[in-house]
C-alpha atoms as a PDB file:
ATOM      1  CA  UNK A   1       0.000   0.000   0.000  1.00  0.00           C
ATOM      2  CA  UNK A   2       1.357   3.411  -1.018  1.00  0.00           C
ATOM      3  CA  UNK A   3       1.741   6.395   1.280  1.00  0.00           C
ATOM      4  CA  UNK A   4      -1.475   8.414   1.685  1.00  0.00           C
ATOM      5  CA  UNK A   5      -1.972  11.355  -0.648  1.00  0.00           C
ATOM      6  CA  UNK A   6      -3.356  14.620   0.720  1.00  0.00           C
ATOM      7  CA  UNK A   7      -6.238  15.926  -1.385  1.00  0.00           C
ATOM      8  CA  UNK A   8      -8.032  19.254  -0.940  1.00  0.00           C
ATOM      9  CA  UNK A   9     -11.556  19.889  -2.196  1.00  0.00           C
ATOM     10  CA  UNK A  10     -12.982  23.401  -1.901  1.00  0.00           C
ATOM     11  CA  UNK A  11     -16.705  24.044  -1.894  1.00  0.00           C
ATOM     12  CA  UNK A  12     -16.881  20.720  -0.096  1.00  0.00           C
ATOM     13  CA  UNK A  13     -20.534  21.047   0.925  1.00  0.00           C
ATOM     14  CA  UNK A  14     -21.720  21.716  -2.634  1.00  0.00           C
ATOM     15  CA  UNK A  15     -23.320  19.425  -5.172  1.00  0.00           C
ATOM     16  CA  UNK A  16     -20.240  18.804  -7.317  1.00  0.00           C
ATOM     17  CA  UNK A  17     -18.132  17.924  -4.289  1.00  0.00           C
ATOM     18  CA  UNK A  18     -20.877  15.613  -3.035  1.00  0.00           C
ATOM     19  CA  UNK A  19     -20.349  13.478  -6.157  1.00  0.00           C
ATOM     20  CA  UNK A  20     -16.582  14.010  -6.325  1.00  0.00           C
ATOM     21  CA  UNK A  21     -15.530  13.117  -2.788  1.00  0.00           C
ATOM     22  CA  UNK A  22     -16.757   9.520  -2.899  1.00  0.00           C
ATOM     23  CA  UNK A  23     -14.975   8.910  -6.202  1.00  0.00           C
ATOM     24  CA  UNK A  24     -11.709  10.210  -4.735  1.00  0.00           C
ATOM     25  CA  UNK A  25     -12.102   8.198  -1.542  1.00  0.00           C
ATOM     26  CA  UNK A  26     -12.963   5.026  -3.487  1.00  0.00           C
ATOM     27  CA  UNK A  27      -9.692   5.134  -5.442  1.00  0.00           C
ATOM     28  CA  UNK A  28     -11.073   6.266  -8.801  1.00  0.00           C
ATOM     29  CA  UNK A  29      -8.497   9.063  -9.118  1.00  0.00           C
ATOM     30  CA  UNK A  30      -5.276   7.843  -7.511  1.00  0.00           C
ATOM     31  CA  UNK A  31      -5.820   4.102  -7.746  1.00  0.00           C
ATOM     32  CA  UNK A  32      -6.851   1.231  -5.492  1.00  0.00           C
ATOM     33  CA  UNK A  33      -3.480   1.094  -3.706  1.00  0.00           C
ATOM     34  CA  UNK A  34      -3.272   4.746  -2.666  1.00  0.00           C
ATOM     35  CA  UNK A  35      -4.944   5.853   0.587  1.00  0.00           C
ATOM     36  CA  UNK A  36      -6.255   9.411   0.719  1.00  0.00           C
ATOM     37  CA  UNK A  37      -6.432  12.111   3.365  1.00  0.00           C
ATOM     38  CA  UNK A  38      -9.188  14.565   2.520  1.00  0.00           C
ATOM     39  CA  UNK A  39      -8.998  18.250   3.393  1.00  0.00           C
ATOM     40  CA  UNK A  40     -12.411  19.898   2.997  1.00  0.00           C
ATOM     41  CA  UNK A  41     -12.327  23.675   2.618  1.00  0.00           C
ATOM     42  CA  UNK A  42     -15.511  25.730   2.900  1.00  0.00           C
ATOM     43  CA  UNK A  43     -16.705  29.225   3.690  1.00  0.00           C
ATOM     44  CA  UNK A  44     -17.581  29.725   7.384  1.00  0.00           C
ATOM     45  CA  UNK A  45     -21.339  29.491   6.812  1.00  0.00           C
ATOM     46  CA  UNK A  46     -20.984  26.087   5.136  1.00  0.00           C
ATOM     47  CA  UNK A  47     -18.548  24.394   7.524  1.00  0.00           C
ATOM     48  CA  UNK A  48     -21.337  22.627   9.400  1.00  0.00           C
ATOM     49  CA  UNK A  49     -22.750  21.245   6.144  1.00  0.00           C
ATOM     50  CA  UNK A  50     -19.260  20.033   5.219  1.00  0.00           C
ATOM     51  CA  UNK A  51     -19.108  18.276   8.580  1.00  0.00           C
ATOM     52  CA  UNK A  52     -22.268  16.433   7.575  1.00  0.00           C
ATOM     53  CA  UNK A  53     -20.607  15.365   4.327  1.00  0.00           C
ATOM     54  CA  UNK A  54     -17.615  14.127   6.324  1.00  0.00           C
ATOM     55  CA  UNK A  55     -19.936  12.104   8.556  1.00  0.00           C
ATOM     56  CA  UNK A  56     -21.410  10.412   5.496  1.00  0.00           C
ATOM     57  CA  UNK A  57     -17.955   9.665   4.145  1.00  0.00           C
ATOM     58  CA  UNK A  58     -17.053   8.061   7.466  1.00  0.00           C
ATOM     59  CA  UNK A  59     -20.268   6.023   7.417  1.00  0.00           C
ATOM     60  CA  UNK A  60     -19.367   4.699   3.965  1.00  0.00           C
ATOM     61  CA  UNK A  61     -16.472   2.718   5.522  1.00  0.00           C
ATOM     62  CA  UNK A  62     -14.211   3.330   2.535  1.00  0.00           C
ATOM     63  CA  UNK A  63     -10.976   1.353   3.044  1.00  0.00           C
ATOM     64  CA  UNK A  64      -8.729   3.961   1.376  1.00  0.00           C
ATOM     65  CA  UNK A  65     -10.014   6.932   3.389  1.00  0.00           C
ATOM     66  CA  UNK A  66      -7.557   7.630   6.179  1.00  0.00           C
ATOM     67  CA  UNK A  67      -8.432  11.082   7.519  1.00  0.00           C
ATOM     68  CA  UNK A  68     -10.801  14.013   6.970  1.00  0.00           C
ATOM     69  CA  UNK A  69     -10.068  17.617   7.907  1.00  0.00           C
ATOM     70  CA  UNK A  70     -12.801  20.274   7.709  1.00  0.00           C
ATOM     71  CA  UNK A  71     -11.867  23.948   7.804  1.00  0.00           C
ATOM     72  CA  UNK A  72     -12.641  27.444   6.563  1.00  0.00           C
ATOM     73  CA  UNK A  73      -8.953  28.422   6.761  1.00  0.00           C
ATOM     74  CA  UNK A  74      -7.089  28.123   3.420  1.00  0.00           C
ATOM     75  CA  UNK A  75      -3.768  27.785   5.241  1.00  0.00           C
ATOM     76  CA  UNK A  76      -5.067  24.654   6.936  1.00  0.00           C
ATOM     77  CA  UNK A  77      -7.097  23.389   3.990  1.00  0.00           C
ATOM     78  CA  UNK A  78      -4.130  23.481   1.600  1.00  0.00           C
ATOM     79  CA  UNK A  79      -1.428  22.416   4.059  1.00  0.00           C
ATOM     80  CA  UNK A  80       0.893  19.918   2.311  1.00  0.00           C
ATOM     81  CA  UNK A  81      -1.811  19.102  -0.223  1.00  0.00           C
ATOM     82  CA  UNK A  82      -0.646  17.196  -3.291  1.00  0.00           C
ATOM     83  CA  UNK A  83      -3.841  17.498  -5.345  1.00  0.00           C
ATOM     84  CA  UNK A  84      -6.384  20.303  -5.104  1.00  0.00           C
ATOM     85  CA  UNK A  85      -9.815  20.456  -6.685  1.00  0.00           C
ATOM     86  CA  UNK A  86     -10.929  24.109  -6.556  1.00  0.00           C
ATOM     87  CA  UNK A  87     -14.668  23.548  -6.879  1.00  0.00           C
ATOM     88  CA  UNK A  88     -16.082  26.366  -4.777  1.00  0.00           C
ATOM     89  CA  UNK A  89     -16.832  29.637  -6.537  1.00  0.00           C
ATOM     90  CA  UNK A  90     -19.452  32.354  -6.473  1.00  0.00           C
ATOM     91  CA  UNK A  91     -22.276  31.535  -8.930  1.00  0.00           C
ATOM     92  CA  UNK A  92     -23.630  34.025 -11.395  1.00  0.00           C
ATOM     93  CA  UNK A  93     -26.889  35.520 -10.142  1.00  0.00           C
ATOM     94  CA  UNK A  94     -29.664  37.495 -11.793  1.00  0.00           C
ATOM     95  CA  UNK A  95     -28.484  40.889 -13.017  1.00  0.00           C
ATOM     96  CA  UNK A  96     -24.799  39.993 -12.639  1.00  0.00           C
ATOM     97  CA  UNK A  97     -22.567  40.760 -15.605  1.00  0.00           C
ATOM     98  CA  UNK A  98     -19.670  38.458 -16.509  1.00  0.00           C
ATOM     99  CA  UNK A  99     -17.273  41.167 -15.333  1.00  0.00           C
ATOM    100  CA  UNK A 100     -19.018  41.147 -11.938  1.00  0.00           C
ATOM    101  CA  UNK A 101     -18.605  37.381 -11.742  1.00  0.00           C
ATOM    102  CA  UNK A 102     -14.921  37.642 -12.595  1.00  0.00           C
ATOM    103  CA  UNK A 103     -14.397  40.268  -9.907  1.00  0.00           C
ATOM    104  CA  UNK A 104     -16.273  38.322  -7.231  1.00  0.00           C
ATOM    105  CA  UNK A 105     -14.366  35.130  -7.915  1.00  0.00           C
ATOM    106  CA  UNK A 106     -11.093  36.962  -8.358  1.00  0.00           C
ATOM    107  CA  UNK A 107     -10.891  37.587  -4.625  1.00  0.00           C
ATOM    108  CA  UNK A 108     -11.521  33.915  -3.864  1.00  0.00           C
ATOM    109  CA  UNK A 109      -8.887  32.582  -6.231  1.00  0.00           C
ATOM    110  CA  UNK A 110      -6.352  35.246  -5.302  1.00  0.00           C
ATOM    111  CA  UNK A 111      -6.531  34.092  -1.690  1.00  0.00           C
ATOM    112  CA  UNK A 112      -6.421  30.432  -2.620  1.00  0.00           C
ATOM    113  CA  UNK A 113      -3.474  30.936  -4.969  1.00  0.00           C
ATOM    114  CA  UNK A 114      -1.526  32.655  -2.201  1.00  0.00           C
ATOM    115  CA  UNK A 115      -2.348  29.883   0.282  1.00  0.00           C
ATOM    116  CA  UNK A 116      -1.293  27.176  -2.172  1.00  0.00           C
ATOM    117  CA  UNK A 117       1.938  29.058  -2.775  1.00  0.00           C
ATOM    118  CA  UNK A 118       2.668  29.203   0.943  1.00  0.00           C
ATOM    119  CA  UNK A 119       1.646  25.794   2.284  1.00  0.00           C
ATOM    120  CA  UNK A 120       0.922  23.233  -0.455  1.00  0.00           C
ATOM    121  CA  UNK A 121       3.332  20.468  -1.422  1.00  0.00           C
ATOM    122  CA  UNK A 122       5.783  21.727  -4.024  1.00  0.00           C
ATOM    123  CA  UNK A 123       4.561  19.130  -6.528  1.00  0.00           C
ATOM    124  CA  UNK A 124       0.866  19.968  -6.026  1.00  0.00           C
ATOM    125  CA  UNK A 125      -1.485  19.686  -9.002  1.00  0.00           C
ATOM    126  CA  UNK A 126      -4.355  22.174  -8.958  1.00  0.00           C
ATOM    127  CA  UNK A 127      -7.530  21.706 -11.002  1.00  0.00           C
ATOM    128  CA  UNK A 128      -9.928  24.656 -11.084  1.00  0.00           C
ATOM    129  CA  UNK A 129     -13.551  23.548 -11.524  1.00  0.00           C
ATOM    130  CA  UNK A 130     -15.361  26.684 -10.313  1.00  0.00           C
ATOM    131  CA  UNK A 131     -16.406  29.008 -13.133  1.00  0.00           C
ATOM    132  CA  UNK A 132     -15.227  31.021 -14.970  1.00  0.00           C
ATOM    133  CA  UNK A 133     -12.669  28.233 -14.641  1.00  0.00           C
ATOM    134  CA  UNK A 134      -9.999  29.309 -17.132  1.00  0.00           C
ATOM    135  CA  UNK A 135      -9.580  32.793 -15.726  1.00  0.00           C
ATOM    136  CA  UNK A 136      -9.979  31.650 -12.121  1.00  0.00           C
ATOM    137  CA  UNK A 137      -7.055  29.291 -12.771  1.00  0.00           C
ATOM    138  CA  UNK A 138      -5.067  32.161 -14.286  1.00  0.00           C
ATOM    139  CA  UNK A 139      -5.672  34.254 -11.161  1.00  0.00           C
ATOM    140  CA  UNK A 140      -4.705  31.439  -8.800  1.00  0.00           C
ATOM    141  CA  UNK A 141      -1.542  30.622 -10.749  1.00  0.00           C
ATOM    142  CA  UNK A 142      -0.470  34.278 -10.861  1.00  0.00           C
ATOM    143  CA  UNK A 143      -0.777  34.469  -7.093  1.00  0.00           C
ATOM    144  CA  UNK A 144       1.421  31.416  -6.564  1.00  0.00           C
ATOM    145  CA  UNK A 145       4.803  32.645  -7.873  1.00  0.00           C
ATOM    146  CA  UNK A 146       6.766  29.840  -6.195  1.00  0.00           C
ATOM    147  CA  UNK A 147       4.814  27.181  -8.085  1.00  0.00           C
ATOM    148  CA  UNK A 148       4.996  26.513 -11.823  1.00  0.00           C
ATOM    149  CA  UNK A 149       2.101  27.813 -13.952  1.00  0.00           C
ATOM    150  CA  UNK A 150       1.780  24.300 -15.387  1.00  0.00           C
ATOM    151  CA  UNK A 151       0.668  23.104 -11.939  1.00  0.00           C
ATOM    152  CA  UNK A 152      -2.627  24.956 -12.500  1.00  0.00           C
ATOM    153  CA  UNK A 153      -5.263  23.626 -14.899  1.00  0.00           C
ATOM    154  CA  UNK A 154      -8.895  24.475 -15.576  1.00  0.00           C
ATOM    155  CA  UNK A 155     -11.555  21.848 -16.173  1.00  0.00           C
ATOM    156  CA  UNK A 156     -12.529  21.415 -19.811  1.00  0.00           C
ATOM    157  CA  UNK A 157     -12.743  17.634 -19.658  1.00  0.00           C
ATOM    158  CA  UNK A 158     -16.502  18.019 -19.226  1.00  0.00           C
ATOM    159  CA  UNK A 159     -16.669  19.684 -22.651  1.00  0.00           C
ATOM    160  CA  UNK A 160     -14.493  16.872 -24.030  1.00  0.00           C
ATOM    161  CA  UNK A 161     -16.773  14.210 -22.536  1.00  0.00           C
ATOM    162  CA  UNK A 162     -19.876  15.973 -23.858  1.00  0.00           C
ATOM    163  CA  UNK A 163     -18.313  15.989 -27.326  1.00  0.00           C
ATOM    164  CA  UNK A 164     -17.605  12.254 -27.126  1.00  0.00           C
ATOM    165  CA  UNK A 165     -21.169  11.609 -25.968  1.00  0.00           C
ATOM    166  CA  UNK A 166     -22.747  13.562 -28.821  1.00  0.00           C
ATOM    167  CA  UNK A 167     -20.458  11.870 -31.346  1.00  0.00           C
ATOM    168  CA  UNK A 168     -21.390   8.450 -29.960  1.00  0.00           C
ATOM    169  CA  UNK A 169     -25.098   9.204 -30.257  1.00  0.00           C
ATOM    170  CA  UNK A 170     -24.620  10.438 -33.816  1.00  0.00           C
ATOM    171  CA  UNK A 171     -22.549   7.486 -35.051  1.00  0.00           C
ATOM    172  CA  UNK A 172     -23.960   4.646 -32.935  1.00  0.00           C
ATOM    173  CA  UNK A 173     -20.490   3.882 -31.599  1.00  0.00           C
ATOM    174  CA  UNK A 174     -19.167   3.866 -28.030  1.00  0.00           C
ATOM    175  CA  UNK A 175     -17.325   6.827 -26.524  1.00  0.00           C
ATOM    176  CA  UNK A 176     -14.082   4.872 -26.131  1.00  0.00           C
ATOM    177  CA  UNK A 177     -13.916   4.117 -29.870  1.00  0.00           C
ATOM    178  CA  UNK A 178     -12.928   7.685 -30.830  1.00  0.00           C
ATOM    179  CA  UNK A 179      -9.432   9.143 -30.992  1.00  0.00           C
ATOM    180  CA  UNK A 180      -8.050  12.648 -31.494  1.00  0.00           C
ATOM    181  CA  UNK A 181     -11.027  14.610 -30.193  1.00  0.00           C
ATOM    182  CA  UNK A 182     -10.374  17.985 -28.541  1.00  0.00           C
ATOM    183  CA  UNK A 183     -12.071  21.181 -27.375  1.00  0.00           C
ATOM    184  CA  UNK A 184     -10.172  24.433 -27.846  1.00  0.00           C
ATOM    185  CA  UNK A 185     -10.434  27.721 -25.994  1.00  0.00           C
ATOM    186  CA  UNK A 186     -12.556  28.818 -23.067  1.00  0.00           C
ATOM    187  CA  UNK A 187     -15.012  26.857 -20.947  1.00  0.00           C
ATOM    188  CA  UNK A 188     -17.850  29.013 -22.187  1.00  0.00           C
ATOM    189  CA  UNK A 189     -20.257  29.235 -25.109  1.00  0.00           C
ATOM    190  CA  UNK A 190     -17.324  30.318 -27.305  1.00  0.00           C
ATOM    191  CA  UNK A 191     -15.493  26.989 -26.964  1.00  0.00           C
ATOM    192  CA  UNK A 192     -14.670  24.993 -30.109  1.00  0.00           C
ATOM    193  CA  UNK A 193     -15.279  21.215 -30.059  1.00  0.00           C
ATOM    194  CA  UNK A 194     -12.985  19.987 -32.846  1.00  0.00           C
ATOM    195  CA  UNK A 195     -13.627  16.734 -34.724  1.00  0.00           C
ATOM    196  CA  UNK A 196     -11.290  17.529 -37.613  1.00  0.00           C
ATOM    197  CA  UNK A 197      -8.719  14.907 -36.659  1.00  0.00           C
ATOM    198  CA  UNK A 198     -10.924  12.149 -35.274  1.00  0.00           C
ATOM    199  CA  UNK A 199     -11.027   8.627 -36.651  1.00  0.00           C
ATOM    200  CA  UNK A 200     -14.713   8.355 -37.677  1.00  0.00           C
ATOM    201  CA  UNK A 201     -16.916   9.829 -40.375  1.00  0.00           C
ATOM    202  CA  UNK A 202     -19.709  12.208 -39.414  1.00  0.00           C
ATOM    203  CA  UNK A 203     -22.177  14.499 -41.097  1.00  0.00           C
ATOM    204  CA  UNK A 204     -20.668  17.966 -41.519  1.00  0.00           C
ATOM    205  CA  UNK A 205     -24.014  19.763 -41.314  1.00  0.00           C
ATOM    206  CA  UNK A 206     -24.821  17.968 -38.058  1.00  0.00           C
ATOM    207  CA  UNK A 207     -21.374  18.886 -36.759  1.00  0.00           C
ATOM    208  CA  UNK A 208     -21.469  22.617 -37.492  1.00  0.00           C
ATOM    209  CA  UNK A 209     -25.177  23.323 -37.016  1.00  0.00           C
ATOM    210  CA  UNK A 210     -26.127  20.957 -34.207  1.00  0.00           C
ATOM    211  CA  UNK A 211     -23.214  19.423 -32.317  1.00  0.00           C
ATOM    212  CA  UNK A 212     -20.972  22.464 -31.822  1.00  0.00           C
ATOM    213  CA  UNK A 213     -23.743  24.683 -30.383  1.00  0.00           C
ATOM    214  CA  UNK A 214     -25.204  21.810 -28.358  1.00  0.00           C
ATOM    215  CA  UNK A 215     -21.923  21.035 -26.610  1.00  0.00           C
ATOM    216  CA  UNK A 216     -21.277  24.735 -25.998  1.00  0.00           C
ATOM    217  CA  UNK A 217     -24.729  25.252 -24.485  1.00  0.00           C
ATOM    218  CA  UNK A 218     -25.128  21.864 -22.800  1.00  0.00           C
ATOM    219  CA  UNK A 219     -24.770  23.325 -19.318  1.00  0.00           C
ATOM    220  CA  UNK A 220     -27.628  25.753 -19.920  1.00  0.00           C
ATOM    221  CA  UNK A 221     -29.721  22.953 -21.411  1.00  0.00           C
ATOM    222  CA  UNK A 222     -29.233  20.829 -18.289  1.00  0.00           C
ATOM    223  CA  UNK A 223     -30.226  23.723 -16.034  1.00  0.00           C
ATOM    224  CA  UNK A 224     -33.404  24.185 -18.057  1.00  0.00           C
ATOM    225  CA  UNK A 225     -34.327  20.491 -17.940  1.00  0.00           C
ATOM    226  CA  UNK A 226     -33.048  19.513 -14.483  1.00  0.00           C
ATOM    227  CA  UNK A 227     -33.589  22.792 -12.691  1.00  0.00           C
ATOM    228  CA  UNK A 228     -30.008  22.969 -11.456  1.00  0.00           C
ATOM    229  CA  UNK A 229     -26.543  22.988 -12.952  1.00  0.00           C
ATOM    230  CA  UNK A 230     -24.371  20.013 -13.875  1.00  0.00           C
ATOM    231  CA  UNK A 231     -22.904  18.347 -10.812  1.00  0.00           C
ATOM    232  CA  UNK A 232     -22.274  14.602 -11.199  1.00  0.00           C
ATOM    233  CA  UNK A 233     -20.983  14.995 -14.763  1.00  0.00           C
ATOM    234  CA  UNK A 234     -18.660  17.813 -13.686  1.00  0.00           C
ATOM    235  CA  UNK A 235     -17.370  15.667 -10.829  1.00  0.00           C
ATOM    236  CA  UNK A 236     -16.831  12.739 -13.190  1.00  0.00           C
ATOM    237  CA  UNK A 237     -14.889  14.962 -15.583  1.00  0.00           C
ATOM    238  CA  UNK A 238     -12.734  16.238 -12.700  1.00  0.00           C
ATOM    239  CA  UNK A 239     -11.968  12.626 -11.784  1.00  0.00           C
ATOM    240  CA  UNK A 240     -10.993  11.883 -15.384  1.00  0.00           C
ATOM    241  CA  UNK A 241      -8.745  14.939 -15.641  1.00  0.00           C
ATOM    242  CA  UNK A 242      -6.838  14.404 -12.406  1.00  0.00           C
ATOM    243  CA  UNK A 243      -6.502  10.638 -12.964  1.00  0.00           C
ATOM    244  CA  UNK A 244      -4.960  11.189 -16.403  1.00  0.00           C
ATOM    245  CA  UNK A 245      -2.753  13.997 -15.094  1.00  0.00           C
ATOM    246  CA  UNK A 246      -1.246  11.626 -12.525  1.00  0.00           C
ATOM    247  CA  UNK A 247      -1.214   8.434 -14.587  1.00  0.00           C
ATOM    248  CA  UNK A 248      -0.755   9.607 -18.169  1.00  0.00           C
ATOM    249  CA  UNK A 249      -2.535   8.965 -21.453  1.00  0.00           C
ATOM    250  CA  UNK A 250      -1.344   8.561 -25.019  1.00  0.00           C
ATOM    251  CA  UNK A 251      -4.556   9.525 -26.800  1.00  0.00           C
ATOM    252  CA  UNK A 252      -5.658  13.149 -26.860  1.00  0.00           C
ATOM    253  CA  UNK A 253      -7.480  14.625 -23.928  1.00  0.00           C
ATOM    254  CA  UNK A 254      -8.775  18.168 -23.579  1.00  0.00           C
ATOM    255  CA  UNK A 255      -7.050  20.058 -20.787  1.00  0.00           C
ATOM    256  CA  UNK A 256      -7.068  23.795 -20.155  1.00  0.00           C
ATOM    257  CA  UNK A 257      -3.389  24.488 -19.508  1.00  0.00           C
ATOM    258  CA  UNK A 258      -1.101  27.538 -19.646  1.00  0.00           C
ATOM    259  CA  UNK A 259      -0.366  28.281 -23.289  1.00  0.00           C
ATOM    260  CA  UNK A 260       3.229  28.133 -24.484  1.00  0.00           C
ATOM    261  CA  UNK A 261       2.330  30.242 -27.514  1.00  0.00           C
ATOM    262  CA  UNK A 262       1.241  27.319 -29.669  1.00  0.00           C
ATOM    263  CA  UNK A 263      -1.372  27.922 -32.379  1.00  0.00           C
ATOM    264  CA  UNK A 264      -1.369  31.672 -31.840  1.00  0.00           C
ATOM    265  CA  UNK A 265      -2.675  31.470 -28.275  1.00  0.00           C
ATOM    266  CA  UNK A 266      -1.077  34.125 -26.053  1.00  0.00           C
ATOM    267  CA  UNK A 267       1.568  32.635 -23.799  1.00  0.00           C
ATOM    268  CA  UNK A 268       0.232  32.195 -20.281  1.00  0.00           C
ATOM    269  CA  UNK A 269      -3.494  32.126 -21.047  1.00  0.00           C
ATOM    270  CA  UNK A 270      -5.188  29.081 -19.544  1.00  0.00           C
ATOM    271  CA  UNK A 271      -6.682  27.620 -22.704  1.00  0.00           C
ATOM    272  CA  UNK A 272      -8.201  24.343 -23.820  1.00  0.00           C
ATOM    273  CA  UNK A 273      -5.917  22.379 -26.155  1.00  0.00           C
ATOM    274  CA  UNK A 274      -5.544  18.859 -27.468  1.00  0.00           C
ATOM    275  CA  UNK A 275      -3.057  17.394 -24.990  1.00  0.00           C
ATOM    276  CA  UNK A 276      -1.462  14.176 -23.828  1.00  0.00           C
ATOM    277  CA  UNK A 277      -0.184  13.553 -20.285  1.00  0.00           C
ATOM    278  CA  UNK A 278       3.274  12.095 -19.777  1.00  0.00           C
ATOM    279  CA  UNK A 279       5.358  11.869 -16.607  1.00  0.00           C
ATOM    280  CA  UNK A 280       2.870  13.944 -14.639  1.00  0.00           C
ATOM    281  CA  UNK A 281       2.810  16.799 -17.166  1.00  0.00           C
ATOM    282  CA  UNK A 282       0.347  17.816 -19.871  1.00  0.00           C
ATOM    283  CA  UNK A 283       1.909  18.320 -23.306  1.00  0.00           C
ATOM    284  CA  UNK A 284       0.121  20.344 -25.985  1.00  0.00           C
ATOM    285  CA  UNK A 285      -0.126  18.312 -29.194  1.00  0.00           C
ATOM    286  CA  UNK A 286       2.133  20.028 -31.709  1.00  0.00           C
ATOM    287  CA  UNK A 287       2.289  20.265 -35.492  1.00  0.00           C
ATOM    288  CA  UNK A 288      -1.422  20.257 -36.295  1.00  0.00           C
ATOM    289  CA  UNK A 289      -2.388  21.914 -39.566  1.00  0.00           C
ATOM    290  CA  UNK A 290      -5.480  24.051 -38.980  1.00  0.00           C
ATOM    291  CA  UNK A 291      -7.882  25.212 -41.654  1.00  0.00           C
ATOM    292  CA  UNK A 292      -9.589  28.602 -41.771  1.00  0.00           C
ATOM    293  CA  UNK A 293     -12.711  27.341 -39.972  1.00  0.00           C
ATOM    294  CA  UNK A 294     -10.671  25.956 -37.077  1.00  0.00           C
ATOM    295  CA  UNK A 295      -8.540  29.076 -36.791  1.00  0.00           C
ATOM    296  CA  UNK A 296     -11.577  31.353 -36.782  1.00  0.00           C
ATOM    297  CA  UNK A 297     -13.326  29.381 -34.055  1.00  0.00           C
ATOM    298  CA  UNK A 298     -10.203  29.107 -31.907  1.00  0.00           C
ATOM    299  CA  UNK A 299      -9.426  32.811 -32.274  1.00  0.00           C
ATOM    300  CA  UNK A 300     -12.944  33.792 -31.179  1.00  0.00           C
ATOM    301  CA  UNK A 301     -12.635  31.808 -27.965  1.00  0.00           C
ATOM    302  CA  UNK A 302      -9.086  32.982 -27.288  1.00  0.00           C
ATOM    303  CA  UNK A 303     -10.242  36.577 -27.730  1.00  0.00           C
ATOM    304  CA  UNK A 304     -12.764  36.010 -24.952  1.00  0.00           C
ATOM    305  CA  UNK A 305      -9.954  34.737 -22.729  1.00  0.00           C
ATOM    306  CA  UNK A 306      -7.962  37.871 -23.516  1.00  0.00           C
ATOM    307  CA  UNK A 307     -10.919  40.040 -22.520  1.00  0.00           C
ATOM    308  CA  UNK A 308     -11.325  38.138 -19.252  1.00  0.00           C
ATOM    309  CA  UNK A 309      -7.618  38.533 -18.527  1.00  0.00           C
ATOM    310  CA  UNK A 310      -7.931  42.277 -19.120  1.00  0.00           C
ATOM    311  CA  UNK A 311     -10.874  42.445 -16.702  1.00  0.00           C
ATOM    312  CA  UNK A 312      -8.817  40.897 -13.881  1.00  0.00           C
ATOM    313  CA  UNK A 313      -5.408  42.346 -14.713  1.00  0.00           C
ATOM    314  CA  UNK A 314      -5.298  44.152 -11.356  1.00  0.00           C
ATOM    315  CA  UNK A 315      -5.273  40.709  -9.689  1.00  0.00           C
ATOM    316  CA  UNK A 316      -2.368  39.364 -11.719  1.00  0.00           C
ATOM    317  CA  UNK A 317       1.263  39.669 -10.704  1.00  0.00           C
END
């Protein structure tokens, strides 16, 4: 049995965490031989609810779960953590502009970035789930100067999984039969699900007129049908992302990582790319020839990321 791994989950009393925590504690992320110590970070008003979640985790008698810490103090919640899921964020409410949302969450992720910088394990991997995820990750990374930017990712695996699901429904195949699928850009309606390199035939009209907008607006569709936002699917995508980050994958996965300047994306922007994970690091797939349609769609989403960066520039070092 391996040494326990310390894992922090913020927003631990929320719906996404409620699905995520059991998957982590059951070994779905770090494997069946790796015990976990959970550190649940919440705002003061939600600490009691997080204690209830911890009680349920204890009652599940999960063999890999060694310890649970509940706190509203980032210094304690991130202490020596080796993997952090930043789930908690302020939701967009009626009358709130996107700039307001960025500002409200900027304070949260500034504080968390500083705490990670000060107390987390030096090899920590940080996955930002709370929206707007790409720019929240940029803020956190910029406030952790002693850590590498590549240690901060934003969750776009949900967009990747949604793309696989729609492609499977369209072709009658299974989701694990497809290769070289990716989603470029921002986790927003501007994102670009790209099937240009995949290994199956599909109807181009369906792709451009139905699939691309459906994947981009899937979150809103779920809210309309279910009455609340995606939770279990977001948690499942977070599991997939962190598992592959630790264990590696040869086929493409979508990960929102700091750009190295590839494909005209400004260096440093946290952007969705086709990636593979090797030796604990995401690598952007290089050498892809993009047509005008791909470039136009990617540029539109990257421009939105630039505008978000401009809106929070006072929070960046």
